[in-house]
Amino acid sequence: MKPTQRLKLLATVFCFATFLLLACNGTGNGKIKTPDSDTSINHPHADTLLSDNEVKAEAPDAISKMEQGYALPRHTENLAQSPINIISGKTDKAGSEKITLLFHSDITVAENLGHTVELEFKEGSSCTVNGKDYASRQFHFHTPSEHLVDGVTFPMEMHIVNVLHDSANVSKDAYLVVAVLFKIGAENKFLKEFLDKIPTREGDKSALKTGEVKFDDLISQFTNNEFKSYYTYKGSLTTPPFTESVQWIILKHVVEASEDQIMTIEKMEGNNARHVQAINDRKIYSQ
């Protein structure tokens, strides 16, 4: 072997031995370092004092350093905001008013508002509550649910919005909002009647023929006793201007809808649930 070839061989062996030595030192006790054990990954740890409803964002894909706790209420200057986390064991049954709902409603328009999917009732539609007539305006959806029950979030919540006008002062209109909670299960007949009629483009409306979407097909998913089982409290609208003149009725019976149906609505409106608010001194009644 020529001297030059011998030198090249020695250099190659030296480089290979150096590489092995460095590799052994880098793995400690012979253990290969995996991404799960890599402490060099920067998680967005909170470095400021957290408020009473904030927690550290420690999820591996968290973007912010802190966020509002899942079931911790947001405190504002207003004391009757919605939605809330209903703790069933802390509800009050004494003195709760029994509410009887009776709908006389036709649905005429389906609209993609971008931030929600909304269907409008025909002018003259009404909801009678204990002999008092409210004008039924519209119903829309939130994905996931806005109200929590014992800390549990449902994949979707429907709000049926009814208004009692004050002829003397429009700003004092009273609202009655009936909330229907949904879980993933069997295909829902009522949703099937209009899902393919909602415009795909934000801001567009579709006119519906009388009887094309039957509100009774939603009501029929409740037995008579289930329709009389609910939580109720005084709260606010969950969208601006967050008016605190709402009587909320959250039906206890959870309605089923297929995964595809709920995902179709969520893809159109996104995650549009307002975070839970502080209950403060309000009474939550259970019937």
C-alpha atoms as a PDB file:
ATOM      1  CA  MET A   1       0.000   0.000   0.000  1.00  0.00           C
ATOM      2  CA  LYS A   2       1.321   3.402  -0.972  1.00  0.00           C
ATOM      3  CA  PRO A   3       1.994   5.969   1.791  1.00  0.00           C
ATOM      4  CA  THR A   4      -0.718   8.297   0.474  1.00  0.00           C
ATOM      5  CA  GLN A   5      -3.311   5.510   0.517  1.00  0.00           C
ATOM      6  CA  ARG A   6      -2.274   4.551   4.062  1.00  0.00           C
ATOM      7  CA  LEU A   7      -2.796   8.159   5.235  1.00  0.00           C
ATOM      8  CA  LYS A   8      -6.247   8.357   3.640  1.00  0.00           C
ATOM      9  CA  LEU A   9      -7.253   5.073   5.339  1.00  0.00           C
ATOM     10  CA  LEU A  10      -6.036   6.250   8.759  1.00  0.00           C
ATOM     11  CA  ALA A  11      -7.915   9.539   8.349  1.00  0.00           C
ATOM     12  CA  THR A  12     -11.123   7.700   7.479  1.00  0.00           C
ATOM     13  CA  VAL A  13     -10.800   5.396  10.506  1.00  0.00           C
ATOM     14  CA  PHE A  14     -10.112   8.367  12.797  1.00  0.00           C
ATOM     15  CA  CYS A  15     -13.189  10.269  11.571  1.00  0.00           C
ATOM     16  CA  PHE A  16     -15.408   7.208  12.004  1.00  0.00           C
ATOM     17  CA  ALA A  17     -14.126   6.583  15.562  1.00  0.00           C
ATOM     18  CA  THR A  18     -14.700  10.249  16.486  1.00  0.00           C
ATOM     19  CA  PHE A  19     -18.280  10.075  15.173  1.00  0.00           C
ATOM     20  CA  LEU A  20     -19.007   6.969  17.301  1.00  0.00           C
ATOM     21  CA  LEU A  21     -17.548   8.609  20.413  1.00  0.00           C
ATOM     22  CA  LEU A  22     -19.678  11.735  20.015  1.00  0.00           C
ATOM     23  CA  ALA A  23     -22.803   9.662  19.381  1.00  0.00           C
ATOM     24  CA  CYS A  24     -22.277   7.650  22.566  1.00  0.00           C
ATOM     25  CA  ASN A  25     -21.734  10.755  24.682  1.00  0.00           C
ATOM     26  CA  GLY A  26     -24.873  12.398  23.278  1.00  0.00           C
ATOM     27  CA  THR A  27     -27.178   9.526  24.219  1.00  0.00           C
ATOM     28  CA  GLY A  28     -26.218   9.313  27.900  1.00  0.00           C
ATOM     29  CA  ASN A  29     -26.739   5.740  29.118  1.00  0.00           C
ATOM     30  CA  GLY A  30     -27.168   4.350  25.647  1.00  0.00           C
ATOM     31  CA  LYS A  31     -30.767   5.622  25.417  1.00  0.00           C
ATOM     32  CA  ILE A  32     -31.807   7.311  22.222  1.00  0.00           C
ATOM     33  CA  LYS A  33     -33.413  10.677  22.783  1.00  0.00           C
ATOM     34  CA  THR A  34     -36.967  10.848  21.446  1.00  0.00           C
ATOM     35  CA  PRO A  35     -39.109  13.905  20.728  1.00  0.00           C
ATOM     36  CA  ASP A  36     -41.266  13.113  23.774  1.00  0.00           C
ATOM     37  CA  SER A  37     -38.296  13.462  26.101  1.00  0.00           C
ATOM     38  CA  ASP A  38     -36.752  16.457  24.357  1.00  0.00           C
ATOM     39  CA  THR A  39     -36.741  19.193  26.960  1.00  0.00           C
ATOM     40  CA  SER A  40     -35.602  21.714  24.356  1.00  0.00           C
ATOM     41  CA  ILE A  41     -39.190  22.011  23.013  1.00  0.00           C
ATOM     42  CA  ASN A  42     -40.488  25.393  24.059  1.00  0.00           C
ATOM     43  CA  HIS A  43     -43.929  25.234  25.642  1.00  0.00           C
ATOM     44  CA  PRO A  44     -45.671  28.579  26.168  1.00  0.00           C
ATOM     45  CA  HIS A  45     -45.505  28.588  29.977  1.00  0.00           C
ATOM     46  CA  ALA A  46     -47.308  31.457  31.667  1.00  0.00           C
ATOM     47  CA  ASP A  47     -44.845  34.034  32.976  1.00  0.00           C
ATOM     48  CA  THR A  48     -47.372  36.502  34.372  1.00  0.00           C
ATOM     49  CA  LEU A  49     -49.825  36.398  37.251  1.00  0.00           C
ATOM     50  CA  LEU A  50     -53.020  34.589  36.227  1.00  0.00           C
ATOM     51  CA  SER A  51     -56.461  36.001  36.979  1.00  0.00           C
ATOM     52  CA  ASP A  52     -58.983  33.908  38.889  1.00  0.00           C
ATOM     53  CA  ASN A  53     -60.406  32.357  35.729  1.00  0.00           C
ATOM     54  CA  GLU A  54     -57.207  31.774  33.785  1.00  0.00           C
ATOM     55  CA  VAL A  55     -54.996  28.707  33.756  1.00  0.00           C
ATOM     56  CA  LYS A  56     -51.668  27.849  32.166  1.00  0.00           C
ATOM     57  CA  ALA A  57     -51.937  26.632  28.584  1.00  0.00           C
ATOM     58  CA  GLU A  58     -49.986  23.382  28.828  1.00  0.00           C
ATOM     59  CA  ALA A  59     -51.438  21.492  25.854  1.00  0.00           C
ATOM     60  CA  PRO A  60     -48.637  20.359  23.508  1.00  0.00           C
ATOM     61  CA  ASP A  61     -50.155  22.373  20.642  1.00  0.00           C
ATOM     62  CA  ALA A  62     -51.081  25.455  22.712  1.00  0.00           C
ATOM     63  CA  ILE A  63     -50.376  28.780  21.077  1.00  0.00           C
ATOM     64  CA  SER A  64     -51.014  31.218  23.913  1.00  0.00           C
ATOM     65  CA  LYS A  65     -49.370  31.126  27.325  1.00  0.00           C
ATOM     66  CA  MET A  66     -52.641  31.208  29.232  1.00  0.00           C
ATOM     67  CA  GLU A  67     -56.310  30.850  28.553  1.00  0.00           C
ATOM     68  CA  GLN A  68     -59.627  30.879  30.332  1.00  0.00           C
ATOM     69  CA  GLY A  69     -60.201  27.675  32.258  1.00  0.00           C
ATOM     70  CA  TYR A  70     -62.595  25.229  30.613  1.00  0.00           C
ATOM     71  CA  ALA A  71     -65.242  25.428  33.349  1.00  0.00           C
ATOM     72  CA  LEU A  72     -64.092  28.618  35.092  1.00  0.00           C
ATOM     73  CA  PRO A  73     -66.525  31.514  34.608  1.00  0.00           C
ATOM     74  CA  ARG A  74     -65.564  34.835  33.108  1.00  0.00           C
ATOM     75  CA  HIS A  75     -66.218  37.768  35.435  1.00  0.00           C
ATOM     76  CA  THR A  76     -67.504  41.039  34.013  1.00  0.00           C
ATOM     77  CA  GLU A  77     -69.053  44.218  35.360  1.00  0.00           C
ATOM     78  CA  ASN A  78     -72.441  42.830  34.304  1.00  0.00           C
ATOM     79  CA  LEU A  79     -73.853  40.343  36.796  1.00  0.00           C
ATOM     80  CA  ALA A  80     -76.413  38.411  34.724  1.00  0.00           C
ATOM     81  CA  GLN A  81     -74.491  37.199  31.688  1.00  0.00           C
ATOM     82  CA  SER A  82     -74.938  33.983  29.715  1.00  0.00           C
ATOM     83  CA  PRO A  83     -74.100  31.175  29.102  1.00  0.00           C
ATOM     84  CA  ILE A  84     -73.325  29.464  32.408  1.00  0.00           C
ATOM     85  CA  ASN A  85     -72.164  26.135  33.753  1.00  0.00           C
ATOM     86  CA  ILE A  86     -75.261  24.613  35.350  1.00  0.00           C
ATOM     87  CA  ILE A  87     -74.376  22.536  38.411  1.00  0.00           C
ATOM     88  CA  SER A  88     -77.406  20.281  38.762  1.00  0.00           C
ATOM     89  CA  GLY A  89     -76.750  19.618  42.444  1.00  0.00           C
ATOM     90  CA  LYS A  90     -76.900  23.351  43.203  1.00  0.00           C
ATOM     91  CA  THR A  91     -80.156  24.136  41.429  1.00  0.00           C
ATOM     92  CA  ASP A  92     -83.215  25.303  43.325  1.00  0.00           C
ATOM     93  CA  LYS A  93     -86.529  23.503  43.004  1.00  0.00           C
ATOM     94  CA  ALA A  94     -88.410  25.433  45.667  1.00  0.00           C
ATOM     95  CA  GLY A  95     -90.595  28.125  44.164  1.00  0.00           C
ATOM     96  CA  SER A  96     -89.675  27.291  40.575  1.00  0.00           C
ATOM     97  CA  GLU A  97     -92.354  28.318  38.115  1.00  0.00           C
ATOM     98  CA  LYS A  98     -93.730  25.567  35.913  1.00  0.00           C
ATOM     99  CA  ILE A  99     -93.403  26.678  32.301  1.00  0.00           C
ATOM    100  CA  THR A 100     -95.679  25.363  29.565  1.00  0.00           C
ATOM    101  CA  LEU A 101     -94.410  25.875  25.995  1.00  0.00           C
ATOM    102  CA  LEU A 102     -96.665  25.849  22.960  1.00  0.00           C
ATOM    103  CA  PHE A 103     -95.286  26.733  19.516  1.00  0.00           C
ATOM    104  CA  HIS A 104     -97.307  27.908  16.513  1.00  0.00           C
ATOM    105  CA  SER A 105     -94.517  28.307  14.013  1.00  0.00           C
ATOM    106  CA  ASP A 106     -93.739  28.149  10.296  1.00  0.00           C
ATOM    107  CA  ILE A 107     -90.175  28.407   8.973  1.00  0.00           C
ATOM    108  CA  THR A 108     -89.600  30.493   5.841  1.00  0.00           C
ATOM    109  CA  VAL A 109     -85.896  31.337   5.455  1.00  0.00           C
ATOM    110  CA  ALA A 110     -82.540  29.575   5.890  1.00  0.00           C
ATOM    111  CA  GLU A 111     -79.517  31.860   6.153  1.00  0.00           C
ATOM    112  CA  ASN A 112     -75.753  31.468   6.364  1.00  0.00           C
ATOM    113  CA  LEU A 113     -74.601  34.353   8.559  1.00  0.00           C
ATOM    114  CA  GLY A 114     -70.996  33.166   8.647  1.00  0.00           C
ATOM    115  CA  HIS A 115     -70.841  33.156  12.442  1.00  0.00           C
ATOM    116  CA  THR A 116     -73.944  30.938  12.700  1.00  0.00           C
ATOM    117  CA  VAL A 117     -76.607  29.070  10.745  1.00  0.00           C
ATOM    118  CA  GLU A 118     -80.010  30.700  11.239  1.00  0.00           C
ATOM    119  CA  LEU A 119     -83.560  29.861  10.200  1.00  0.00           C
ATOM    120  CA  GLU A 120     -86.292  32.482  10.438  1.00  0.00           C
ATOM    121  CA  PHE A 121     -89.872  31.937  11.525  1.00  0.00           C
ATOM    122  CA  LYS A 122     -92.741  33.277   9.446  1.00  0.00           C
ATOM    123  CA  GLU A 123     -94.199  36.561  10.650  1.00  0.00           C
ATOM    124  CA  GLY A 124     -96.943  35.762  13.137  1.00  0.00           C
ATOM    125  CA  SER A 125     -95.270  32.652  14.553  1.00  0.00           C
ATOM    126  CA  SER A 126     -95.512  32.531  18.326  1.00  0.00           C
ATOM    127  CA  CYS A 127     -94.526  30.733  21.491  1.00  0.00           C
ATOM    128  CA  THR A 128     -97.030  30.749  24.340  1.00  0.00           C
ATOM    129  CA  VAL A 129     -95.585  30.530  27.833  1.00  0.00           C
ATOM    130  CA  ASN A 130     -98.086  30.244  30.657  1.00  0.00           C
ATOM    131  CA  GLY A 131    -100.659  32.199  28.682  1.00  0.00           C
ATOM    132  CA  LYS A 132     -98.202  34.922  27.568  1.00  0.00           C
ATOM    133  CA  ASP A 133     -97.523  35.123  23.826  1.00  0.00           C
ATOM    134  CA  TYR A 134     -93.979  35.699  22.575  1.00  0.00           C
ATOM    135  CA  ALA A 135     -93.176  36.346  18.913  1.00  0.00           C
ATOM    136  CA  SER A 136     -90.959  33.513  17.602  1.00  0.00           C
ATOM    137  CA  ARG A 137     -88.168  35.142  15.580  1.00  0.00           C
ATOM    138  CA  GLN A 138     -85.530  32.594  14.639  1.00  0.00           C
ATOM    139  CA  PHE A 139     -83.424  29.673  15.747  1.00  0.00           C
ATOM    140  CA  HIS A 140     -79.700  29.248  15.291  1.00  0.00           C
ATOM    141  CA  PHE A 141     -76.866  26.956  16.357  1.00  0.00           C
ATOM    142  CA  HIS A 142     -73.694  27.031  18.423  1.00  0.00           C
ATOM    143  CA  THR A 143     -70.869  24.520  18.001  1.00  0.00           C
ATOM    144  CA  PRO A 144     -69.937  23.395  20.580  1.00  0.00           C
ATOM    145  CA  SER A 145     -72.700  24.051  23.117  1.00  0.00           C
ATOM    146  CA  GLU A 146     -72.565  27.305  25.053  1.00  0.00           C
ATOM    147  CA  HIS A 147     -74.194  26.035  28.234  1.00  0.00           C
ATOM    148  CA  LEU A 148     -72.413  23.378  30.245  1.00  0.00           C
ATOM    149  CA  VAL A 149     -74.235  20.932  32.493  1.00  0.00           C
ATOM    150  CA  ASP A 150     -72.117  19.724  35.397  1.00  0.00           C
ATOM    151  CA  GLY A 151     -69.048  20.799  33.443  1.00  0.00           C
ATOM    152  CA  VAL A 152     -70.022  18.807  30.351  1.00  0.00           C
ATOM    153  CA  THR A 153     -69.975  20.430  26.911  1.00  0.00           C
ATOM    154  CA  PHE A 154     -72.171  19.020  24.146  1.00  0.00           C
ATOM    155  CA  PRO A 155     -71.175  19.121  20.460  1.00  0.00           C
ATOM    156  CA  MET A 156     -74.043  21.456  19.515  1.00  0.00           C
ATOM    157  CA  GLU A 157     -76.710  23.713  21.020  1.00  0.00           C
ATOM    158  CA  MET A 158     -79.756  25.198  19.287  1.00  0.00           C
ATOM    159  CA  HIS A 159     -81.328  28.467  20.451  1.00  0.00           C
ATOM    160  CA  ILE A 160     -84.987  29.217  19.733  1.00  0.00           C
ATOM    161  CA  VAL A 161     -85.333  32.987  20.128  1.00  0.00           C
ATOM    162  CA  ASN A 162     -88.686  34.501  21.109  1.00  0.00           C
ATOM    163  CA  VAL A 163     -89.434  38.154  21.895  1.00  0.00           C
ATOM    164  CA  LEU A 164     -92.017  39.904  24.045  1.00  0.00           C
ATOM    165  CA  HIS A 165     -92.211  43.495  22.837  1.00  0.00           C
ATOM    166  CA  ASP A 166     -92.592  46.453  25.156  1.00  0.00           C
ATOM    167  CA  SER A 167     -94.678  48.914  23.131  1.00  0.00           C
ATOM    168  CA  ALA A 168     -93.602  51.787  25.373  1.00  0.00           C
ATOM    169  CA  ASN A 169     -89.864  51.096  25.232  1.00  0.00           C
ATOM    170  CA  VAL A 170     -88.330  48.872  22.555  1.00  0.00           C
ATOM    171  CA  SER A 171     -85.028  48.737  24.464  1.00  0.00           C
ATOM    172  CA  LYS A 172     -86.867  46.864  27.221  1.00  0.00           C
ATOM    173  CA  ASP A 173     -87.999  43.987  25.024  1.00  0.00           C
ATOM    174  CA  ALA A 174     -87.950  40.717  26.936  1.00  0.00           C
ATOM    175  CA  TYR A 175     -86.526  37.542  25.408  1.00  0.00           C
ATOM    176  CA  LEU A 176     -87.366  33.925  25.970  1.00  0.00           C
ATOM    177  CA  VAL A 177     -84.666  31.633  24.581  1.00  0.00           C
ATOM    178  CA  VAL A 178     -85.208  27.879  24.570  1.00  0.00           C
ATOM    179  CA  ALA A 179     -81.968  25.881  24.324  1.00  0.00           C
ATOM    180  CA  VAL A 180     -81.842  22.372  22.847  1.00  0.00           C
ATOM    181  CA  LEU A 181     -78.681  20.336  23.434  1.00  0.00           C
ATOM    182  CA  PHE A 182     -77.424  17.806  20.872  1.00  0.00           C
ATOM    183  CA  LYS A 183     -75.230  14.727  21.130  1.00  0.00           C
ATOM    184  CA  ILE A 184     -73.821  12.511  18.381  1.00  0.00           C
ATOM    185  CA  GLY A 185     -76.095   9.596  17.572  1.00  0.00           C
ATOM    186  CA  ALA A 186     -78.757   8.778  15.015  1.00  0.00           C
ATOM    187  CA  GLU A 187     -79.535  11.039  12.074  1.00  0.00           C
ATOM    188  CA  ASN A 188     -81.921  13.817  13.051  1.00  0.00           C
ATOM    189  CA  LYS A 189     -85.055  14.072  10.901  1.00  0.00           C
ATOM    190  CA  PHE A 190     -85.584  17.761  11.637  1.00  0.00           C
ATOM    191  CA  LEU A 191     -82.028  18.799  10.695  1.00  0.00           C
ATOM    192  CA  LYS A 192     -82.203  16.693   7.529  1.00  0.00           C
ATOM    193  CA  GLU A 193     -85.097  18.804   6.280  1.00  0.00           C
ATOM    194  CA  PHE A 194     -82.982  21.955   5.895  1.00  0.00           C
ATOM    195  CA  LEU A 195     -79.252  21.215   6.006  1.00  0.00           C
ATOM    196  CA  ASP A 196     -78.954  20.996   2.218  1.00  0.00           C
ATOM    197  CA  LYS A 197     -80.966  24.211   1.849  1.00  0.00           C
ATOM    198  CA  ILE A 198     -78.544  26.420   3.780  1.00  0.00           C
ATOM    199  CA  PRO A 199     -76.497  28.552   1.340  1.00  0.00           C
ATOM    200  CA  THR A 200     -72.803  27.738   1.231  1.00  0.00           C
ATOM    201  CA  ARG A 201     -71.844  31.385   0.729  1.00  0.00           C
ATOM    202  CA  GLU A 202     -71.786  33.625   3.784  1.00  0.00           C
ATOM    203  CA  GLY A 203     -74.568  36.207   3.851  1.00  0.00           C
ATOM    204  CA  ASP A 204     -76.866  34.376   1.441  1.00  0.00           C
ATOM    205  CA  LYS A 205     -80.458  33.367   2.173  1.00  0.00           C
ATOM    206  CA  SER A 206     -82.676  30.609   0.833  1.00  0.00           C
ATOM    207  CA  ALA A 207     -86.455  30.900   0.802  1.00  0.00           C
ATOM    208  CA  LEU A 208     -88.322  27.863   2.147  1.00  0.00           C
ATOM    209  CA  LYS A 209     -91.769  26.750   1.101  1.00  0.00           C
ATOM    210  CA  THR A 210     -94.459  26.477   3.759  1.00  0.00           C
ATOM    211  CA  GLY A 211     -94.223  23.048   5.391  1.00  0.00           C
ATOM    212  CA  GLU A 212     -90.833  22.265   3.831  1.00  0.00           C
ATOM    213  CA  VAL A 213     -89.233  22.402   7.272  1.00  0.00           C
ATOM    214  CA  LYS A 214     -91.573  21.193   9.997  1.00  0.00           C
ATOM    215  CA  PHE A 215     -90.866  22.549  13.482  1.00  0.00           C
ATOM    216  CA  ASP A 216     -93.108  19.823  14.894  1.00  0.00           C
ATOM    217  CA  ASP A 217     -90.471  17.304  13.774  1.00  0.00           C
ATOM    218  CA  LEU A 218     -88.183  18.782  16.421  1.00  0.00           C
ATOM    219  CA  ILE A 219     -90.865  18.960  19.126  1.00  0.00           C
ATOM    220  CA  SER A 220     -91.851  15.330  18.456  1.00  0.00           C
ATOM    221  CA  GLN A 221     -88.376  14.231  19.619  1.00  0.00           C
ATOM    222  CA  PHE A 222     -89.461  15.071  23.163  1.00  0.00           C
ATOM    223  CA  THR A 223     -92.059  13.190  25.142  1.00  0.00           C
ATOM    224  CA  ASN A 224     -94.581  15.316  26.986  1.00  0.00           C
ATOM    225  CA  ASN A 225     -92.673  14.841  30.255  1.00  0.00           C
ATOM    226  CA  GLU A 226     -89.294  15.568  28.613  1.00  0.00           C
ATOM    227  CA  PHE A 227     -90.604  18.856  27.256  1.00  0.00           C
ATOM    228  CA  LYS A 228     -91.550  19.816  30.808  1.00  0.00           C
ATOM    229  CA  SER A 229     -88.112  18.977  32.214  1.00  0.00           C
ATOM    230  CA  TYR A 230     -85.678  21.885  32.061  1.00  0.00           C
ATOM    231  CA  TYR A 231     -83.336  24.329  33.800  1.00  0.00           C
ATOM    232  CA  THR A 232     -84.314  27.987  33.832  1.00  0.00           C
ATOM    233  CA  TYR A 233     -82.630  31.211  34.929  1.00  0.00           C
ATOM    234  CA  LYS A 234     -82.375  34.924  34.175  1.00  0.00           C
ATOM    235  CA  GLY A 235     -79.516  35.825  31.872  1.00  0.00           C
ATOM    236  CA  SER A 236     -78.419  37.616  28.722  1.00  0.00           C
ATOM    237  CA  LEU A 237     -78.077  37.225  24.995  1.00  0.00           C
ATOM    238  CA  THR A 238     -74.810  35.432  24.187  1.00  0.00           C
ATOM    239  CA  THR A 239     -74.033  37.733  21.267  1.00  0.00           C
ATOM    240  CA  PRO A 240     -73.574  41.533  21.247  1.00  0.00           C
ATOM    241  CA  PRO A 241     -75.004  43.626  22.821  1.00  0.00           C
ATOM    242  CA  PHE A 242     -75.369  40.852  25.494  1.00  0.00           C
ATOM    243  CA  THR A 243     -78.674  42.330  26.697  1.00  0.00           C
ATOM    244  CA  GLU A 244     -79.614  41.105  30.180  1.00  0.00           C
ATOM    245  CA  SER A 245     -83.323  40.598  29.586  1.00  0.00           C
ATOM    246  CA  VAL A 246     -83.489  36.897  28.757  1.00  0.00           C
ATOM    247  CA  GLN A 247     -85.433  34.108  30.426  1.00  0.00           C
ATOM    248  CA  TRP A 248     -83.435  31.008  29.571  1.00  0.00           C
ATOM    249  CA  ILE A 249     -84.971  27.554  29.336  1.00  0.00           C
ATOM    250  CA  ILE A 250     -82.463  24.739  28.793  1.00  0.00           C
ATOM    251  CA  LEU A 251     -84.278  21.505  28.029  1.00  0.00           C
ATOM    252  CA  LYS A 252     -82.751  18.552  29.913  1.00  0.00           C
ATOM    253  CA  HIS A 253     -83.467  15.957  27.254  1.00  0.00           C
ATOM    254  CA  VAL A 254     -80.486  15.772  24.862  1.00  0.00           C
ATOM    255  CA  VAL A 255     -81.451  15.273  21.224  1.00  0.00           C
ATOM    256  CA  GLU A 256     -79.437  13.095  18.841  1.00  0.00           C
ATOM    257  CA  ALA A 257     -77.940  14.117  15.501  1.00  0.00           C
ATOM    258  CA  SER A 258     -75.477  12.293  13.299  1.00  0.00           C
ATOM    259  CA  GLU A 259     -71.792  13.186  13.288  1.00  0.00           C
ATOM    260  CA  ASP A 260     -72.071  14.340   9.664  1.00  0.00           C
ATOM    261  CA  GLN A 261     -74.991  16.647  10.476  1.00  0.00           C
ATOM    262  CA  ILE A 262     -73.196  18.328  13.366  1.00  0.00           C
ATOM    263  CA  MET A 263     -69.948  18.608  11.388  1.00  0.00           C
ATOM    264  CA  THR A 264     -71.806  20.159   8.435  1.00  0.00           C
ATOM    265  CA  ILE A 265     -73.110  22.941  10.662  1.00  0.00           C
ATOM    266  CA  GLU A 266     -69.768  23.407  12.424  1.00  0.00           C
ATOM    267  CA  LYS A 267     -67.916  23.737   9.108  1.00  0.00           C
ATOM    268  CA  MET A 268     -70.250  26.559   8.101  1.00  0.00           C
ATOM    269  CA  GLU A 269     -70.227  28.508  11.367  1.00  0.00           C
ATOM    270  CA  GLY A 270     -66.988  27.444  13.073  1.00  0.00           C
ATOM    271  CA  ASN A 271     -66.491  27.320  16.851  1.00  0.00           C
ATOM    272  CA  ASN A 272     -68.900  30.067  17.882  1.00  0.00           C
ATOM    273  CA  ALA A 273     -69.665  29.325  21.532  1.00  0.00           C
ATOM    274  CA  ARG A 274     -69.247  32.104  24.068  1.00  0.00           C
ATOM    275  CA  HIS A 275     -67.373  31.079  27.196  1.00  0.00           C
ATOM    276  CA  VAL A 276     -69.317  30.440  30.407  1.00  0.00           C
ATOM    277  CA  GLN A 277     -69.990  33.451  32.614  1.00  0.00           C
ATOM    278  CA  ALA A 278     -70.189  33.912  36.375  1.00  0.00           C
ATOM    279  CA  ILE A 279     -73.493  32.951  38.006  1.00  0.00           C
ATOM    280  CA  ASN A 280     -73.024  35.439  40.856  1.00  0.00           C
ATOM    281  CA  ASP A 281     -76.141  35.564  43.102  1.00  0.00           C
ATOM    282  CA  ARG A 282     -78.589  34.219  40.515  1.00  0.00           C
ATOM    283  CA  LYS A 283     -80.889  31.281  41.210  1.00  0.00           C
ATOM    284  CA  ILE A 284     -80.930  28.396  38.742  1.00  0.00           C
ATOM    285  CA  TYR A 285     -84.188  26.497  38.868  1.00  0.00           C
ATOM    286  CA  SER A 286     -84.666  22.862  37.921  1.00  0.00           C
ATOM    287  CA  GLN A 287     -87.987  21.416  36.878  1.00  0.00           C
END
